[in-house]
Amino acid sequence: MPEIEQVTYNSPDGATIGQSTSEKISFYGTTPITQRAGSAQATSIWGTSATTSVDTARTAVITEICNTLIAVGLWKGAA
């Protein structure tokens, strides 16, 4: 069995990574970042206004999700 480091100790309450939005985290050797902030995170696909189409809101949300996963190293972006 390979040697691995356990990052939790099986607490009955669970585990968390990052205690605040200003704490930096990353995965797979990427540069750690703080929690992303942006208007797209607050965009609701279903609660769009009359001036915003569902497709526009959906695109904004999906783009923000992709950018966040890429930034923390959980998804490799286009080269």
N, C-alpha and C. Protein backbone atom coordinates (compact mmCIF):
# COMPACT_ATOMS: atom_id res chain seq x y z
N MET A 1 0.85 -1.18 0.00
CA MET A 1 0.00 0.00 0.00
C MET A 1 0.89 1.24 0.00
N PRO A 2 0.61 2.20 -0.88
CA PRO A 2 1.45 3.41 -0.91
C PRO A 2 1.28 4.24 0.35
N GLU A 3 2.30 4.99 0.68
CA GLU A 3 2.20 5.89 1.83
C GLU A 3 1.43 7.14 1.42
N ILE A 4 0.35 7.40 2.10
CA ILE A 4 -0.44 8.61 1.84
C ILE A 4 -0.66 9.34 3.15
N GLU A 5 -0.90 10.61 3.06
CA GLU A 5 -1.18 11.41 4.25
C GLU A 5 -2.68 11.62 4.37
N GLN A 6 -3.21 11.25 5.49
CA GLN A 6 -4.63 11.45 5.76
C GLN A 6 -4.84 12.89 6.21
N VAL A 7 -5.78 13.60 5.60
CA VAL A 7 -5.99 15.00 5.96
C VAL A 7 -7.15 15.18 6.94
N THR A 8 -7.83 14.10 7.28
CA THR A 8 -8.88 14.15 8.29
C THR A 8 -8.60 13.09 9.33
N TYR A 9 -9.31 13.15 10.43
CA TYR A 9 -9.12 12.14 11.47
C TYR A 9 -10.44 11.45 11.79
N ASN A 10 -11.36 11.40 10.83
CA ASN A 10 -12.64 10.70 10.95
C ASN A 10 -13.52 11.29 12.05
N SER A 11 -13.56 12.59 12.13
CA SER A 11 -14.42 13.26 13.11
C SER A 11 -15.89 12.94 12.81
N PRO A 12 -16.69 12.69 13.82
CA PRO A 12 -18.11 12.41 13.57
C PRO A 12 -18.85 13.61 12.97
N ASP A 13 -18.29 14.81 13.10
CA ASP A 13 -18.91 16.01 12.54
C ASP A 13 -18.48 16.28 11.10
N GLY A 14 -17.53 15.51 10.57
CA GLY A 14 -17.08 15.69 9.20
C GLY A 14 -15.77 16.46 9.13
N ALA A 15 -15.47 16.98 7.95
CA ALA A 15 -14.22 17.69 7.72
C ALA A 15 -14.49 18.88 6.79
N THR A 16 -13.63 19.87 6.86
CA THR A 16 -13.73 21.03 5.98
C THR A 16 -12.33 21.41 5.53
N ILE A 17 -12.26 22.02 4.37
CA ILE A 17 -10.99 22.55 3.86
C ILE A 17 -11.19 24.05 3.75
N GLY A 18 -10.36 24.80 4.42
CA GLY A 18 -10.50 26.25 4.43
C GLY A 18 -11.50 26.70 5.47
N GLN A 19 -11.01 27.43 6.45
CA GLN A 19 -11.89 27.87 7.53
C GLN A 19 -12.59 29.19 7.22
N SER A 20 -12.12 29.91 6.21
CA SER A 20 -12.73 31.19 5.85
C SER A 20 -12.57 31.40 4.35
N THR A 21 -13.29 32.39 3.81
CA THR A 21 -13.20 32.68 2.38
C THR A 21 -11.85 33.25 1.99
N SER A 22 -11.07 33.72 2.98
CA SER A 22 -9.76 34.28 2.67
C SER A 22 -8.63 33.25 2.77
N GLU A 23 -8.94 32.05 3.26
CA GLU A 23 -7.92 31.00 3.33
C GLU A 23 -7.72 30.41 1.94
N LYS A 24 -6.48 30.25 1.56
CA LYS A 24 -6.17 29.75 0.22
C LYS A 24 -6.09 28.23 0.20
N ILE A 25 -6.65 27.62 -0.89
CA ILE A 25 -6.55 26.19 -1.09
C ILE A 25 -6.25 25.90 -2.55
N SER A 26 -5.75 24.70 -2.81
CA SER A 26 -5.55 24.25 -4.20
C SER A 26 -5.42 22.74 -4.19
N PHE A 27 -5.42 22.15 -5.38
CA PHE A 27 -5.27 20.72 -5.56
C PHE A 27 -4.29 20.46 -6.69
N TYR A 28 -3.63 19.32 -6.62
CA TYR A 28 -2.74 18.86 -7.68
C TYR A 28 -1.63 19.84 -8.03
N GLY A 29 -1.10 20.52 -7.04
CA GLY A 29 0.07 21.37 -7.24
C GLY A 29 -0.19 22.73 -7.88
N THR A 30 -1.47 23.11 -8.02
CA THR A 30 -1.74 24.44 -8.56
C THR A 30 -1.49 25.48 -7.47
N THR A 31 -1.38 26.73 -7.86
CA THR A 31 -1.17 27.81 -6.91
C THR A 31 -2.43 28.01 -6.07
N PRO A 32 -2.31 27.98 -4.74
CA PRO A 32 -3.49 28.16 -3.89
C PRO A 32 -4.15 29.53 -4.12
N ILE A 33 -5.48 29.55 -4.05
CA ILE A 33 -6.25 30.78 -4.22
C ILE A 33 -7.29 30.87 -3.11
N THR A 34 -7.78 32.09 -2.88
CA THR A 34 -8.90 32.29 -1.96
C THR A 34 -10.19 31.97 -2.70
N GLN A 35 -11.29 31.94 -1.99
CA GLN A 35 -12.57 31.66 -2.61
C GLN A 35 -12.86 32.70 -3.68
N ARG A 36 -13.28 32.24 -4.84
CA ARG A 36 -13.61 33.15 -5.93
C ARG A 36 -14.86 33.95 -5.57
N ALA A 37 -14.88 35.17 -5.99
CA ALA A 37 -16.05 36.01 -5.79
C ALA A 37 -16.45 36.58 -7.14
N GLY A 38 -17.70 36.69 -7.36
CA GLY A 38 -18.13 37.27 -8.63
C GLY A 38 -19.63 37.26 -8.77
N SER A 39 -20.11 38.07 -9.65
CA SER A 39 -21.55 38.18 -9.84
C SER A 39 -22.15 36.90 -10.39
N ALA A 40 -21.36 36.12 -11.15
CA ALA A 40 -21.89 34.89 -11.72
C ALA A 40 -22.26 33.89 -10.64
N GLN A 41 -21.59 33.94 -9.49
CA GLN A 41 -21.91 33.00 -8.41
C GLN A 41 -23.29 33.28 -7.84
N ALA A 42 -23.76 34.48 -7.94
CA ALA A 42 -25.07 34.83 -7.40
C ALA A 42 -26.17 34.69 -8.45
N THR A 43 -25.78 34.36 -9.68
CA THR A 43 -26.76 34.25 -10.75
C THR A 43 -27.60 33.00 -10.58
N SER A 44 -28.88 33.15 -10.68
CA SER A 44 -29.79 32.02 -10.61
C SER A 44 -30.31 31.73 -12.00
N ILE A 45 -30.21 30.49 -12.43
CA ILE A 45 -30.70 30.12 -13.75
C ILE A 45 -32.22 30.26 -13.81
N TRP A 46 -32.90 29.95 -12.71
CA TRP A 46 -34.36 29.94 -12.71
C TRP A 46 -34.96 31.27 -12.30
N GLY A 47 -34.22 32.11 -11.63
CA GLY A 47 -34.77 33.38 -11.17
C GLY A 47 -34.32 34.55 -12.02
N THR A 48 -34.22 34.34 -13.31
CA THR A 48 -33.72 35.40 -14.19
C THR A 48 -34.76 36.50 -14.34
N SER A 49 -34.27 37.70 -14.58
CA SER A 49 -35.18 38.83 -14.80
C SER A 49 -35.67 38.81 -16.24
N ALA A 50 -36.60 39.67 -16.52
CA ALA A 50 -37.16 39.74 -17.88
C ALA A 50 -36.12 40.18 -18.90
N THR A 51 -35.05 40.84 -18.44
CA THR A 51 -34.04 41.32 -19.37
C THR A 51 -32.88 40.34 -19.56
N THR A 52 -32.87 39.24 -18.78
CA THR A 52 -31.80 38.25 -18.90
C THR A 52 -32.41 36.93 -19.31
N SER A 53 -31.90 36.37 -20.41
CA SER A 53 -32.44 35.09 -20.85
C SER A 53 -31.90 33.96 -20.00
N VAL A 54 -32.62 32.85 -19.98
CA VAL A 54 -32.17 31.68 -19.24
C VAL A 54 -30.84 31.19 -19.81
N ASP A 55 -30.69 31.20 -21.13
CA ASP A 55 -29.44 30.76 -21.74
C ASP A 55 -28.26 31.62 -21.32
N THR A 56 -28.45 32.93 -21.22
CA THR A 56 -27.38 33.82 -20.78
C THR A 56 -27.01 33.53 -19.34
N ALA A 57 -28.00 33.36 -18.47
CA ALA A 57 -27.75 33.06 -17.07
C ALA A 57 -27.07 31.71 -16.93
N ARG A 58 -27.54 30.71 -17.65
CA ARG A 58 -26.96 29.37 -17.60
C ARG A 58 -25.50 29.41 -18.05
N THR A 59 -25.22 30.11 -19.12
CA THR A 59 -23.85 30.22 -19.61
C THR A 59 -22.95 30.86 -18.57
N ALA A 60 -23.43 31.91 -17.89
CA ALA A 60 -22.64 32.59 -16.86
C ALA A 60 -22.33 31.65 -15.70
N VAL A 61 -23.33 30.88 -15.28
CA VAL A 61 -23.14 29.96 -14.15
C VAL A 61 -22.17 28.85 -14.53
N ILE A 62 -22.35 28.24 -15.68
CA ILE A 62 -21.45 27.16 -16.12
C ILE A 62 -20.03 27.67 -16.29
N THR A 63 -19.88 28.85 -16.85
CA THR A 63 -18.55 29.43 -17.02
C THR A 63 -17.88 29.65 -15.67
N GLU A 64 -18.60 30.15 -14.69
CA GLU A 64 -18.04 30.39 -13.36
C GLU A 64 -17.66 29.07 -12.69
N ILE A 65 -18.49 28.05 -12.82
CA ILE A 65 -18.16 26.74 -12.26
C ILE A 65 -16.87 26.21 -12.89
N CYS A 66 -16.78 26.27 -14.19
CA CYS A 66 -15.56 25.80 -14.88
C CYS A 66 -14.34 26.59 -14.43
N ASN A 67 -14.45 27.91 -14.38
CA ASN A 67 -13.31 28.74 -13.97
C ASN A 67 -12.87 28.44 -12.55
N THR A 68 -13.82 28.17 -11.67
CA THR A 68 -13.50 27.84 -10.28
C THR A 68 -12.79 26.50 -10.20
N LEU A 69 -13.30 25.48 -10.87
CA LEU A 69 -12.67 24.16 -10.86
C LEU A 69 -11.26 24.21 -11.45
N ILE A 70 -11.08 24.98 -12.50
CA ILE A 70 -9.75 25.14 -13.11
C ILE A 70 -8.82 25.87 -12.15
N ALA A 71 -9.30 26.93 -11.52
CA ALA A 71 -8.46 27.76 -10.64
C ALA A 71 -7.93 26.97 -9.45
N VAL A 72 -8.73 26.07 -8.88
CA VAL A 72 -8.25 25.31 -7.71
C VAL A 72 -7.55 24.01 -8.12
N GLY A 73 -7.53 23.71 -9.40
CA GLY A 73 -6.79 22.54 -9.87
C GLY A 73 -7.59 21.26 -9.96
N LEU A 74 -8.92 21.32 -9.86
CA LEU A 74 -9.73 20.12 -9.93
C LEU A 74 -10.14 19.76 -11.34
N TRP A 75 -9.91 20.67 -12.29
CA TRP A 75 -10.23 20.38 -13.67
C TRP A 75 -9.19 21.08 -14.54
N LYS A 76 -8.63 20.36 -15.49
CA LYS A 76 -7.61 20.95 -16.34
C LYS A 76 -8.30 21.73 -17.45
N GLY A 77 -7.97 23.00 -17.53
CA GLY A 77 -8.56 23.85 -18.57
C GLY A 77 -7.89 23.62 -19.91
N ALA A 78 -8.41 24.26 -20.93
CA ALA A 78 -7.83 24.16 -22.26
C ALA A 78 -6.43 24.74 -22.24
N ALA A 79 -5.54 24.09 -22.94
CA ALA A 79 -4.14 24.52 -22.98
C ALA A 79 -3.94 25.67 -23.92
